[in-house]
Protein backbone atom coordinates (compact mmCIF):
# COMPACT_ATOMS: atom_id res chain seq x y z
CA MET A 1 4.79 6.23 -7.96
CA THR A 2 3.62 9.12 -10.02
CA ALA A 3 1.73 11.95 -8.58
CA SER A 4 -0.83 11.71 -11.33
CA ARG A 5 -3.34 9.39 -12.86
CA SER A 6 -2.52 10.70 -16.34
CA VAL A 7 1.15 9.78 -16.85
CA ARG A 8 1.65 7.51 -19.85
CA ARG A 9 4.42 4.95 -20.16
CA SER A 10 5.65 5.28 -23.73
CA VAL A 11 9.15 6.55 -24.53
CA HIS A 12 10.77 8.29 -27.45
CA LEU A 13 14.13 7.79 -29.14
CA PRO A 14 17.05 9.79 -27.65
CA ALA A 15 17.71 13.13 -29.24
CA ARG A 16 20.94 11.89 -30.75
CA ALA A 17 21.06 8.12 -30.36
CA ALA A 18 24.01 7.89 -32.72
CA LEU A 19 26.18 9.67 -30.16
CA ASN A 20 26.29 6.68 -27.92
CA ALA A 21 23.88 3.87 -28.65
CA LEU A 22 24.89 1.86 -25.61
CA ALA A 23 24.42 4.75 -23.17
CA ALA A 24 21.14 5.67 -24.79
CA ALA A 25 19.82 2.15 -24.51
CA LEU A 26 20.83 2.06 -20.87
CA ALA A 27 19.18 5.41 -20.26
CA LEU A 28 15.96 4.00 -21.62
CA ALA A 29 16.35 0.88 -19.52
CA LEU A 30 16.73 3.13 -16.48
CA GLY A 31 13.57 5.01 -17.37
CA GLY A 32 15.37 7.79 -19.20
CA CYS A 33 13.42 9.90 -21.66
CA ALA A 34 9.66 10.12 -21.43
CA ALA A 35 8.18 11.98 -24.39
CA THR A 36 4.49 11.59 -23.74
CA GLY A 37 4.96 12.00 -20.02
CA PRO A 38 5.46 15.35 -18.25
CA GLY A 39 6.78 18.19 -20.34
CA ALA A 40 5.80 16.77 -23.73
CA PRO A 41 3.02 18.30 -25.83
CA ALA A 42 -0.37 16.98 -24.82
CA ALA A 43 -3.79 17.13 -26.34
CA ALA A 44 -5.61 20.40 -25.75
CA GLY A 45 -7.64 20.31 -22.58
CA PRO A 46 -10.93 21.97 -21.75
CA SER A 47 -11.14 25.71 -22.28
CA GLY A 48 -9.28 27.63 -19.60
CA LEU A 49 -6.85 24.84 -18.67
CA VAL A 50 -3.14 25.59 -19.03
CA GLU A 51 -0.18 23.22 -18.91
CA LEU A 52 2.74 24.40 -16.81
CA ASN A 53 5.99 22.48 -17.24
CA LEU A 54 8.71 22.46 -14.60
CA VAL A 55 12.09 20.77 -14.35
CA ALA A 56 13.50 20.30 -10.85
CA LEU A 57 17.03 19.55 -9.65
CA ASN A 58 18.44 19.06 -6.15
CA ASP A 59 21.79 18.45 -4.42
CA PHE A 60 23.96 19.25 -7.43
CA HIS A 61 26.98 19.82 -5.15
CA GLY A 62 29.14 21.37 -7.85
CA ASN A 63 29.29 18.23 -9.99
CA LEU A 64 30.18 19.91 -13.27
CA GLU A 65 31.16 16.58 -14.81
CA ALA A 66 29.24 13.31 -15.07
CA SER A 67 29.71 10.81 -12.24
CA LYS A 68 28.70 7.24 -11.45
CA TYR A 69 25.01 6.57 -10.93
CA THR A 70 23.67 3.19 -9.83
CA ALA A 71 19.96 2.42 -9.82
CA ALA A 72 17.28 0.10 -11.06
CA ALA A 73 14.29 1.44 -12.94
CA ASP A 74 10.79 0.33 -12.04
CA GLY A 75 10.40 -3.27 -13.16
CA ALA A 76 14.13 -3.80 -13.77
CA SER A 77 15.58 -7.01 -12.36
CA GLU A 78 18.92 -5.52 -11.35
CA LYS A 79 20.70 -2.25 -10.76
CA ARG A 80 22.84 -0.72 -13.50
CA THR A 81 25.78 1.66 -13.14
CA ILE A 82 26.40 4.36 -15.71
CA GLN A 83 27.99 7.80 -15.91
CA ALA A 84 25.22 10.38 -15.60
CA GLY A 85 24.91 14.13 -15.24
CA GLY A 86 27.35 16.87 -16.21
CA ILE A 87 26.40 20.43 -17.09
CA ASP A 88 26.68 19.77 -20.82
CA VAL A 89 24.14 16.93 -20.65
CA LEU A 90 21.87 18.80 -18.24
CA GLY A 91 21.93 21.81 -20.53
CA GLY A 92 21.19 19.62 -23.54
CA ALA A 93 18.21 18.06 -21.78
CA LEU A 94 16.82 21.47 -20.92
CA ASP A 95 17.34 22.59 -24.51
CA ALA A 96 15.28 19.60 -25.68
CA PHE A 97 12.56 20.18 -23.10
CA ARG A 98 12.31 23.87 -24.01
CA LYS A 99 11.70 22.94 -27.65
CA GLU A 100 8.54 21.29 -26.33
CA ASP A 101 7.65 24.23 -24.08
CA LYS A 102 9.57 27.50 -24.30
CA ASP A 103 7.99 28.63 -21.02
CA LEU A 104 9.45 25.74 -19.03
CA LEU A 105 10.30 26.68 -15.42
CA PHE A 106 13.64 25.36 -14.09
CA VAL A 107 13.82 25.21 -10.26
CA ALA A 108 15.97 23.58 -7.58
CA ALA A 109 15.79 22.41 -3.97
CA GLY A 110 19.17 23.46 -2.57
CA ASP A 111 22.76 22.29 -2.11
CA LEU A 112 23.70 23.45 -5.58
CA VAL A 113 27.16 24.15 -4.17
CA GLY A 114 29.27 22.91 -1.27
CA ALA A 115 30.93 19.52 -0.74
CA SER A 116 31.91 19.94 -4.38
CA PRO A 117 34.58 18.24 -6.48
CA ALA A 118 37.78 20.22 -6.85
CA MET A 119 36.94 21.52 -10.33
CA SER A 120 34.19 23.63 -8.77
CA SER A 121 35.41 24.15 -5.19
CA MET A 122 38.87 25.35 -6.19
CA PHE A 123 37.12 28.33 -7.80
CA ALA A 124 34.80 28.99 -4.81
CA ASP A 125 31.99 27.12 -6.65
CA GLU A 126 31.58 30.02 -9.06
CA PRO A 127 31.60 27.67 -12.10
CA SER A 128 28.52 25.92 -10.72
CA ILE A 129 26.70 29.21 -10.21
CA VAL A 130 27.60 30.29 -13.73
CA ALA A 131 26.43 26.95 -15.14
CA MET A 132 23.05 27.27 -13.40
CA ASN A 133 22.70 30.78 -14.78
CA ARG A 134 23.35 29.53 -18.29
CA MET A 135 20.79 26.75 -17.84
CA GLY A 136 18.16 29.33 -16.96
CA LEU A 137 17.56 28.37 -13.35
CA VAL A 138 14.82 30.59 -11.92
CA ALA A 139 14.92 29.83 -8.20
CA SER A 140 16.38 27.46 -5.64
CA ALA A 141 15.78 26.81 -1.98
CA LEU A 142 18.80 27.31 0.21
CA GLY A 143 20.40 24.05 1.28
CA ASN A 144 22.52 23.46 4.35
CA HIS A 145 25.68 23.41 2.21
CA GLU A 146 25.01 26.90 0.92
CA PHE A 147 26.00 27.90 4.48
CA ASP A 148 29.35 26.06 4.45
CA GLN A 149 31.41 29.25 4.17
CA GLY A 150 29.08 31.46 6.22
CA LYS A 151 26.32 33.89 5.39
CA ASN A 152 28.57 36.54 3.83
CA GLU A 153 29.88 34.10 1.23
CA LEU A 154 26.34 32.85 0.60
CA LEU A 155 25.19 36.40 -0.08
CA ARG A 156 28.23 37.03 -2.30
CA GLN A 157 27.34 34.02 -4.39
CA GLN A 158 23.85 35.46 -4.77
CA ARG A 159 24.87 39.06 -5.46
CA GLY A 160 28.32 38.71 -7.01
CA GLY A 161 31.63 40.43 -6.33
CA CYS A 162 35.00 39.23 -5.05
CA ASP A 163 34.88 40.11 -1.34
CA SER A 164 35.13 36.53 -0.13
CA PRO A 165 36.48 34.64 2.90
CA ARG A 166 38.21 32.52 0.24
CA PRO A 167 40.31 35.17 -1.52
CA ASP A 168 42.61 32.50 -2.96
CA LYS A 169 39.64 30.95 -4.80
CA ALA A 170 37.11 33.68 -5.52
CA CYS A 171 37.13 35.42 -8.91
CA ARG A 172 40.02 33.30 -10.21
CA LEU A 173 38.05 32.40 -13.33
CA SER A 174 36.59 35.84 -13.83
CA PRO A 175 37.44 39.12 -12.07
CA ASP A 176 33.83 40.29 -12.42
CA PHE A 177 31.82 37.42 -10.95
CA LYS A 178 28.23 38.62 -11.12
CA GLY A 179 26.61 36.07 -8.81
CA ALA A 180 23.51 33.98 -9.21
CA GLY A 181 21.04 35.07 -11.85
CA PHE A 182 18.46 32.98 -10.03
CA SER A 183 16.84 33.64 -6.65
CA TYR A 184 17.88 31.81 -3.51
CA LEU A 185 14.75 31.43 -1.36
CA ALA A 186 14.29 30.51 2.31
CA THR A 187 11.27 31.66 4.23
CA ASN A 188 12.46 30.11 7.51
CA VAL A 189 15.96 31.66 7.87
CA ILE A 190 16.10 34.87 9.92
CA ASP A 191 19.10 37.17 10.31
CA GLN A 192 19.11 38.01 14.02
CA GLN A 193 20.82 41.35 13.37
CA THR A 194 18.04 42.67 11.14
CA GLY A 195 15.12 40.50 12.25
CA ARG A 196 14.37 39.82 8.59
CA ASN A 197 14.75 36.90 6.23
CA LEU A 198 18.37 36.36 5.21
CA VAL A 199 17.18 35.91 1.61
CA PRO A 200 13.67 36.32 0.19
CA GLY A 201 11.27 33.62 1.24
CA TRP A 202 9.34 33.51 -2.02
CA ARG A 203 8.85 34.95 -5.48
CA ILE A 204 6.04 34.93 -8.04
CA VAL A 205 6.65 34.01 -11.67
CA ASP A 206 4.16 34.60 -14.47
CA VAL A 207 3.97 31.50 -16.69
CA LYS A 208 1.48 31.48 -19.56
CA GLY A 209 -0.66 33.99 -17.69
CA VAL A 210 -0.68 31.94 -14.47
CA LYS A 211 1.03 33.45 -11.44
CA VAL A 212 3.13 30.67 -9.90
CA GLY A 213 4.31 31.24 -6.34
CA LEU A 214 7.66 29.62 -5.52
CA ILE A 215 8.35 29.22 -1.79
CA GLY A 216 11.75 28.18 -0.44
CA ALA A 217 12.72 26.56 2.86
CA VAL A 218 15.65 24.69 4.35
CA LEU A 219 15.61 22.07 7.10
CA GLN A 220 15.19 23.68 10.51
CA ASP A 221 17.99 21.45 11.78
CA VAL A 222 20.71 23.25 9.76
CA PRO A 223 22.70 24.12 12.92
CA SER A 224 23.29 20.41 13.56
CA VAL A 225 24.72 19.85 10.06
CA ALA A 226 26.69 23.06 9.62
CA VAL A 227 29.79 24.54 11.21
CA ALA A 228 28.59 26.58 14.18
CA SER A 229 30.50 29.69 13.14
CA ALA A 230 28.90 29.58 9.68
CA VAL A 231 25.35 29.92 11.04
CA LYS A 232 26.10 32.20 13.98
CA GLY A 233 23.55 35.00 14.16
CA LEU A 234 20.93 33.09 12.16
CA THR A 235 17.67 31.57 13.37
CA PHE A 236 16.09 28.60 11.61
CA LEU A 237 12.33 28.35 12.08
CA ASP A 238 9.79 25.56 11.66
CA GLU A 239 9.53 24.74 7.96
CA ALA A 240 5.78 24.21 7.58
CA GLU A 241 4.78 27.14 9.80
CA SER A 242 7.07 29.48 7.89
CA ILE A 243 5.74 28.31 4.52
CA ASN A 244 2.09 28.60 5.53
CA LYS A 245 2.67 32.04 7.03
CA VAL A 246 3.61 33.66 3.71
CA LEU A 247 0.60 32.45 1.68
CA PRO A 248 -1.66 35.44 2.48
CA ALA A 249 0.97 37.93 1.29
CA MET A 250 1.54 35.89 -1.85
CA ARG A 251 -2.19 35.73 -2.58
CA ALA A 252 -2.38 39.50 -2.09
CA GLN A 253 0.19 39.83 -4.88
CA GLY A 254 -1.80 37.58 -7.19
CA ALA A 255 -0.25 34.13 -6.66
CA GLN A 256 -2.59 31.41 -7.94
CA VAL A 257 -0.49 28.24 -7.76
CA PHE A 258 1.99 27.38 -5.00
CA VAL A 259 5.13 25.26 -5.40
CA VAL A 260 7.34 24.51 -2.39
CA LEU A 261 11.08 24.08 -2.91
CA ILE A 262 12.44 22.63 0.32
CA HIS A 263 15.83 21.27 1.28
CA GLU A 264 14.58 18.41 3.39
CA GLY A 265 13.75 14.91 2.26
CA GLY A 266 12.91 11.32 2.94
CA HIS A 267 13.47 7.86 1.59
CA THR A 268 11.59 4.93 0.15
CA GLY A 269 12.60 1.46 -0.91
CA GLU A 270 10.91 1.89 -4.28
CA ALA A 271 12.58 2.68 -7.61
CA TYR A 272 13.41 6.27 -8.52
CA ASP A 273 10.74 6.25 -11.26
CA LYS A 274 8.15 4.05 -9.51
CA GLN A 275 4.71 5.50 -10.08
CA HIS A 276 2.28 6.07 -7.18
CA CYS A 277 4.82 5.82 -4.36
CA ASP A 278 2.92 5.86 -1.07
CA GLY A 279 5.71 4.57 1.18
CA LEU A 280 7.75 7.73 1.72
CA GLU A 281 9.40 7.96 5.15
CA GLY A 282 11.55 10.55 6.87
CA PRO A 283 11.25 14.12 8.18
CA ILE A 284 9.69 15.53 5.01
CA VAL A 285 6.51 13.54 5.60
CA GLY A 286 5.58 15.36 8.82
CA ILE A 287 6.35 18.71 7.21
CA VAL A 288 4.16 18.04 4.16
CA LYS A 289 1.24 16.92 6.34
CA LYS A 290 1.21 20.33 8.04
CA LEU A 291 1.22 22.40 4.84
CA ASP A 292 -1.76 24.50 3.73
CA PRO A 293 -4.11 22.48 1.48
CA ALA A 294 -3.50 24.96 -1.36
CA ILE A 295 0.02 23.55 -1.75
CA ARG A 296 -0.14 20.60 -4.11
CA LEU A 297 3.51 20.20 -5.19
CA VAL A 298 6.59 19.86 -2.96
CA VAL A 299 10.05 19.58 -4.55
CA THR A 300 12.53 18.18 -2.01
CA GLY A 301 16.23 17.52 -1.52
CA HIS A 302 18.85 16.73 1.13
CA SER A 303 18.39 12.94 1.33
CA HIS A 304 19.92 12.27 -2.12
CA LYS A 305 17.13 9.91 -3.17
CA GLY A 306 15.04 9.60 -6.32
CA TYR A 307 11.30 9.33 -5.71
CA LEU A 308 7.89 10.40 -7.03
CA CYS A 309 5.52 10.09 -4.10
CA LYS A 310 2.24 11.25 -2.66
CA VAL A 311 1.71 12.39 0.92
CA ASP A 312 -1.87 13.20 1.90
CA GLY A 313 -2.69 13.62 -1.78
CA ARG A 314 0.18 16.05 -2.44
CA VAL A 315 2.95 15.36 -4.92
CA VAL A 316 6.40 15.06 -3.31
CA THR A 317 9.41 14.64 -5.61
CA GLN A 318 13.19 14.31 -5.42
CA ALA A 319 15.77 13.73 -8.17
CA ASP A 320 18.63 11.84 -6.49
CA ALA A 321 21.76 14.06 -6.48
CA TYR A 322 24.75 15.35 -8.47
CA GLY A 323 22.64 15.97 -11.59
CA HIS A 324 22.05 12.25 -12.15
CA LEU A 325 18.31 12.84 -12.54
CA VAL A 326 15.91 15.69 -13.09
CA SER A 327 12.22 15.68 -12.24
CA ARG A 328 9.93 16.64 -15.13
CA ILE A 329 6.66 17.98 -13.79
CA ARG A 330 3.50 18.90 -15.70
CA MET A 331 0.78 20.79 -13.88
CA THR A 332 -2.62 21.29 -15.50
CA VAL A 333 -4.08 24.45 -14.05
CA ASP A 334 -7.28 26.46 -14.47
CA ALA A 335 -5.89 29.81 -15.57
CA VAL A 336 -8.79 31.73 -14.03
CA SER A 337 -9.23 30.13 -10.64
CA GLY A 338 -5.73 28.70 -10.21
CA ARG A 339 -7.18 25.30 -9.43
CA VAL A 340 -4.64 22.53 -10.02
CA ASP A 341 -6.49 19.94 -12.06
CA ASP A 342 -3.66 17.42 -12.40
CA ILE A 343 0.06 16.89 -11.76
CA ALA A 344 2.19 14.41 -13.70
CA VAL A 345 5.81 13.70 -12.79
CA ARG A 346 8.67 11.61 -14.11
CA ASN A 347 12.32 11.33 -13.05
CA VAL A 348 14.59 11.33 -16.09
CA VAL A 349 18.13 9.92 -16.11
CA MET A 350 20.73 12.37 -17.44
CA ALA A 351 22.69 9.74 -19.37
CA PRO A 352 25.24 10.65 -22.04
CA GLY A 353 23.76 9.94 -25.46
CA ALA A 354 20.20 10.53 -24.31
CA PHE A 355 20.46 14.23 -25.13
CA ALA A 356 22.68 16.24 -27.46
CA PRO A 357 25.04 18.16 -25.14
CA ASP A 358 24.54 21.89 -25.01
CA ALA A 359 27.40 23.33 -27.07
CA GLN A 360 27.98 26.46 -24.98
CA LEU A 361 28.00 24.55 -21.70
CA ALA A 362 30.26 21.87 -23.18
CA ALA A 363 32.72 24.62 -24.18
CA TYR A 364 32.49 26.21 -20.74
CA LEU A 365 33.08 22.85 -19.06
CA GLN A 366 36.15 22.26 -21.20
CA ASP A 367 37.50 25.70 -20.34
CA VAL A 368 37.09 25.11 -16.60
CA ARG A 369 38.57 21.63 -16.97
CA THR A 370 41.60 22.96 -18.84
CA ARG A 371 42.24 25.73 -16.31
CA SER A 372 42.01 23.33 -13.37
CA GLN A 373 43.60 20.21 -14.80
CA ALA A 374 47.24 20.97 -14.06
CA GLU A 375 46.52 21.40 -10.36
CA LEU A 376 44.06 18.52 -10.16
CA ASP A 377 46.41 16.09 -11.89
CA LYS A 378 49.37 16.89 -9.66
CA PRO A 379 50.45 13.66 -7.90
CA VAL A 380 50.46 14.03 -4.12
CA ALA A 381 51.00 10.48 -2.83
CA ARG A 382 51.33 6.84 -3.70
CA ILE A 383 49.38 4.13 -1.87
CA GLY A 384 49.67 0.38 -1.74
CA ALA A 385 46.04 -0.22 -2.71
CA ALA A 386 46.07 0.40 -6.45
CA ALA A 387 42.28 0.14 -6.57
CA GLY A 388 41.95 2.91 -3.99
CA LEU A 389 40.15 2.82 -0.65
CA SER A 390 36.42 2.58 0.00
CA ARG A 391 34.29 4.61 2.37
CA ARG A 392 31.80 1.73 2.57
CA GLU A 393 31.42 0.46 6.12
CA ASN A 394 31.58 -3.19 7.05
CA SER A 395 29.04 -4.84 9.33
CA ASP A 396 30.89 -3.58 12.40
CA GLY A 397 30.67 0.03 11.23
CA GLU A 398 34.23 0.59 10.01
CA SER A 399 35.47 1.68 6.62
CA ALA A 400 39.04 1.46 5.37
CA LEU A 401 38.98 5.08 4.23
CA GLY A 402 37.36 6.38 7.42
CA GLY A 403 40.03 4.76 9.55
CA LEU A 404 42.76 6.22 7.36
CA ILE A 405 41.39 9.76 7.70
CA ALA A 406 41.13 9.43 11.49
CA ASP A 407 44.69 8.07 11.67
CA ALA A 408 45.92 10.97 9.55
CA ALA A 409 44.30 13.51 11.86
CA VAL A 410 46.00 11.95 14.90
CA ALA A 411 49.39 11.83 13.17
CA ALA A 412 49.09 15.51 12.26
CA THR A 413 48.35 16.55 15.86
CA GLN A 414 50.44 14.16 17.93
CA ASP A 415 52.66 17.05 18.98
CA LYS A 416 49.57 18.42 20.75
CA GLY A 417 49.18 15.25 22.80
CA VAL A 418 46.32 13.81 20.75
CA GLN A 419 45.43 10.19 21.48
CA VAL A 420 42.18 9.61 19.56
CA GLY A 421 40.79 10.83 16.24
CA PHE A 422 37.20 10.84 14.96
CA MET A 423 35.77 11.34 11.46
CA ASN A 424 32.10 11.75 10.55
CA PRO A 425 31.10 9.49 7.63
CA GLY A 426 29.02 12.23 6.00
CA GLY A 427 32.19 14.27 5.57
CA ILE A 428 33.78 11.55 3.43
CA ARG A 429 32.25 12.50 0.11
CA LYS A 430 33.79 9.88 -2.22
CA ASP A 431 35.98 6.80 -2.23
CA LEU A 432 39.69 7.49 -2.53
CA GLU A 433 40.62 6.62 -6.10
CA ALA A 434 44.14 5.95 -7.33
CA GLY A 435 45.72 5.92 -10.75
CA GLU A 436 48.31 3.64 -12.26
CA GLY A 437 50.77 2.33 -9.69
CA GLY A 438 48.60 3.57 -6.83
CA VAL A 439 49.35 7.23 -7.56
CA VAL A 440 46.84 9.61 -5.96
CA SER A 441 46.34 13.05 -7.51
CA PHE A 442 45.34 16.19 -5.67
CA GLY A 443 41.93 16.08 -7.35
CA GLN A 444 41.33 12.51 -6.18
CA ALA A 445 42.29 13.36 -2.61
CA GLN A 446 40.28 16.59 -2.58
CA ALA A 447 37.18 14.77 -3.80
CA VAL A 448 37.28 12.75 -0.56
CA LEU A 449 37.51 15.79 1.77
CA PRO A 450 36.22 18.80 -0.18
CA PHE A 451 35.06 21.06 2.66
CA GLY A 452 38.38 22.58 3.66
CA ASN A 453 37.64 21.81 7.33
CA THR A 454 40.36 22.40 9.91
CA LEU A 455 41.48 20.05 12.68
CA VAL A 456 40.42 20.91 16.23
CA VAL A 457 41.92 19.27 19.32
CA LEU A 458 40.07 19.14 22.63
CA ASP A 459 39.79 17.22 25.89
CA LEU A 460 36.96 14.81 26.72
CA THR A 461 36.53 12.78 29.88
CA GLY A 462 36.12 9.05 29.64
CA ALA A 463 32.42 9.50 30.44
CA GLN A 464 32.08 12.00 27.59
CA LEU A 465 33.85 9.60 25.22
CA ARG A 466 31.30 6.94 26.05
CA ALA A 467 28.42 9.42 25.66
CA LEU A 468 29.81 10.46 22.27
CA LEU A 469 29.83 6.89 21.02
CA GLU A 470 26.28 6.28 22.30
CA GLN A 471 25.11 9.25 20.24
CA GLN A 472 25.82 7.18 17.11
CA TRP A 473 22.39 5.49 17.49
CA GLN A 474 20.19 8.52 18.07
CA ARG A 475 19.16 9.04 14.44
CA GLU A 476 15.71 7.48 14.20
CA GLY A 477 17.17 4.24 15.55
CA GLN A 478 19.71 4.02 12.72
CA GLY A 479 23.43 3.78 13.37
CA TYR A 480 25.63 6.63 12.16
CA MET A 481 29.08 5.32 12.92
CA LEU A 482 31.97 7.64 13.64
CA GLN A 483 35.19 6.45 12.09
CA VAL A 484 37.94 6.13 14.70
CA SER A 485 41.73 6.09 14.81
CA ARG A 486 43.79 3.06 15.73
CA GLY A 487 44.23 4.23 19.33
CA LEU A 488 40.58 3.59 20.23
CA SER A 489 38.62 0.33 20.33
CA TYR A 490 35.23 -0.81 21.64
CA GLN A 491 32.45 -3.33 21.15
CA TRP A 492 28.75 -2.62 20.68
CA ASP A 493 25.59 -4.67 20.95
CA ALA A 494 22.74 -3.92 18.54
CA ASN A 495 20.30 -5.79 20.77
CA ARG A 496 20.73 -3.34 23.63
CA PRO A 497 18.63 -0.15 23.78
CA ALA A 498 19.99 3.09 22.35
CA GLY A 499 22.06 4.86 24.95
CA ARG A 500 23.49 1.61 26.32
CA ARG A 501 24.96 -0.12 23.29
CA VAL A 502 28.66 0.26 24.05
CA VAL A 503 29.62 -2.92 25.88
CA ALA A 504 30.79 -2.27 29.43
CA GLY A 505 34.53 -2.62 29.83
CA SER A 506 35.21 -2.79 26.08
CA LEU A 507 36.03 0.89 25.51
CA LYS A 508 39.81 1.31 25.44
CA VAL A 509 42.38 3.94 24.50
CA ASP A 510 45.84 2.69 23.62
CA GLY A 511 44.79 -0.75 24.80
CA LYS A 512 43.83 0.37 28.31
CA PRO A 513 40.25 0.56 29.66
CA VAL A 514 38.86 4.08 29.60
CA GLU A 515 38.53 5.73 33.01
CA GLU A 516 35.33 7.74 33.42
CA GLY A 517 36.97 10.74 35.12
CA ARG A 518 40.21 10.85 33.16
CA HIS A 519 40.76 13.37 30.34
CA TYR A 520 41.70 12.22 26.84
CA ARG A 521 43.03 14.43 24.06
CA VAL A 522 40.87 14.12 20.94
CA VAL A 523 41.00 15.50 17.38
CA ALA A 524 38.16 16.01 14.90
CA ASN A 525 37.37 18.37 12.04
CA ASN A 526 35.91 21.72 13.11
CA PHE A 527 32.40 20.78 11.94
CA LEU A 528 32.32 17.65 14.09
CA ALA A 529 34.13 19.32 16.99
CA ASP A 530 31.35 21.92 17.14
CA GLY A 531 28.79 19.15 17.67
CA GLY A 532 27.88 18.74 14.00
CA ASP A 533 25.99 15.71 12.70
CA ASN A 534 24.17 15.50 16.07
CA PHE A 535 27.22 14.74 18.23
CA PRO A 536 26.82 17.37 20.99
CA ALA A 537 29.25 15.55 23.30
CA LEU A 538 32.15 16.90 21.24
CA ALA A 539 30.94 20.47 21.65
CA LYS A 540 31.39 20.05 25.41
CA GLY A 541 35.11 19.38 25.07
CA VAL A 542 37.48 21.73 26.89
CA ASN A 543 40.98 23.09 26.20
CA ARG A 544 39.99 23.51 22.58
CA LEU A 545 42.49 24.51 19.93
CA ASP A 546 41.77 25.00 16.24
CA THR A 547 45.09 24.06 14.67
CA GLY A 548 44.29 25.78 11.38
CA MET A 549 45.51 22.65 9.57
CA ARG A 550 43.12 21.38 6.90
CA ASP A 551 41.98 17.79 7.17
CA LEU A 552 42.87 17.33 3.49
CA ASP A 553 46.45 18.44 4.08
CA ALA A 554 46.73 16.01 6.99
CA LEU A 555 45.46 13.16 4.81
CA ILE A 556 47.90 13.93 1.99
CA ALA A 557 50.82 14.21 4.42
CA TYR A 558 49.93 10.90 6.03
CA MET A 559 49.74 9.11 2.69
CA LYS A 560 53.13 10.52 1.73
CA GLN A 561 54.61 9.25 4.99
CA HIS A 562 53.00 5.82 4.62
CA PRO A 563 53.35 4.70 0.98
CA ASP A 564 52.03 1.25 1.93
CA THR A 565 48.70 2.82 2.89
CA GLY A 566 45.91 0.63 1.64
CA ALA A 567 47.26 -2.85 2.12
CA ALA A 568 47.43 -2.27 5.87
CA SER A 569 44.21 -0.27 6.01
CA LEU A 570 42.26 -2.97 4.21
CA ALA A 571 43.18 -5.55 6.85
CA PRO A 572 40.81 -6.02 9.84
CA GLN A 573 41.49 -3.18 12.27
CA ALA A 574 39.66 -4.46 15.38
CA ARG A 575 38.76 -0.92 16.34
CA ILE A 576 34.99 -1.35 16.28
CA ARG A 577 33.37 -4.72 16.86
CA LYS A 578 29.69 -5.50 16.71
CA LEU A 579 28.64 -8.45 18.86
CA ARG A 580 26.95 -11.08 16.71
């Protein structure tokens, strides 16, 4: 699944194998460190040809520390799980790659921040911005999560300063936060007030005498995956049309080679390092097919997948998420004409032991860890499930953790007459982990619900409740199951057409059949209540009230009130039932 006919398969020894022989061996088994692949010195080509080396990252989401990564390399018989990523390891990898090419270009495809673990989010994600600066990031597309706190906070993170909608978090690490040293790019985001791009759409970088044009874009569908208030006053245009539109201006300023950084992606059933992937599916495919033929390389994100594919002869890459992988890309270019002669790509696992950690970033990570640890380690609850609770859904569409969060939201708003709670699965970012004796720390709870969303109560009719549930199967035929509180139950039939899958007569609230014209009081986080994740039925709710209570606070309070949480939640709930 490479984008090139020239990638070779040999590997080199890790930079410091003695650090952790087991991790290094596993990194190699997962396709870790290619030395004679992209980025490594290659034999001199014909006169006039220049090698440009890029490293690409996507969907970092503030993961300053390593986290679990499960995957199988091409040809591997089974998946392996290791700890991968972390800014110290990422920095060490870039150090090693720059020893091979000092002119290496480090780029990203969005969602560097947002939905972040507490160590980053509790400081308004400034540690992640600082880490990217220190790694020498040149440019990144905007991702949908860069909009989580609204455009003003996005621009503050670019420009620096402490004027933030999160005054309790901003500039806590440093009173002179200087912002991103790299450029956020998005050619398809327009500020309605000015009629101009919210951030620059592109920039040109001179690398070895070749003018490389970097073009950024974010999925046009951002309004469906962002809080409505956060994107108010912004227009999101067609991705391909916006990208193609800027090429003449870029050529006029000397751009010879074009690289698209886009926060939109796809998926494939093939391994993250499978060469010559031709089976890419998803929204990115249609976008790539409409791009100007001069664009030969598209770095993607958003779908959290690792792939090295070709679409209509163009190279389309993605490096999983959370810093687990990086994409190493080598472009062979005619320095005079700008003709791209060849592109070679490889996804590299960021496994501990594969690279000597960058000393400065390791020290910075330890400083952030030390300054956050007391708050993160603070115990907030004890649960009966010592192993924690999983967000993984069963065959019916329920998860133990999803049900718990929905129950907590209802409990927190019962004084407002709430009967039913909903939780979107995409908002549950990690399993709920517990320490010895089932003790849950603030950091463990915050990792589950990192957005700081508030709970909104509203009224829906019985007909709107049914319409809401039917909207679960409107994503390319795939189910996207809302997690529900114990007061609601229904059955669904996968053999029925989308729009009619909820079994007639099965939808009940508090054990009673739902009446089409009756109003029911509902609670959901503000993102979902605004119609986020493609659930517009919720946006039609009336008698709306934003309680101002954070979903995380509701979850913690519920766990405190129910110390047996876990044992009960792991039992069959009979809320959602799929007909077999």
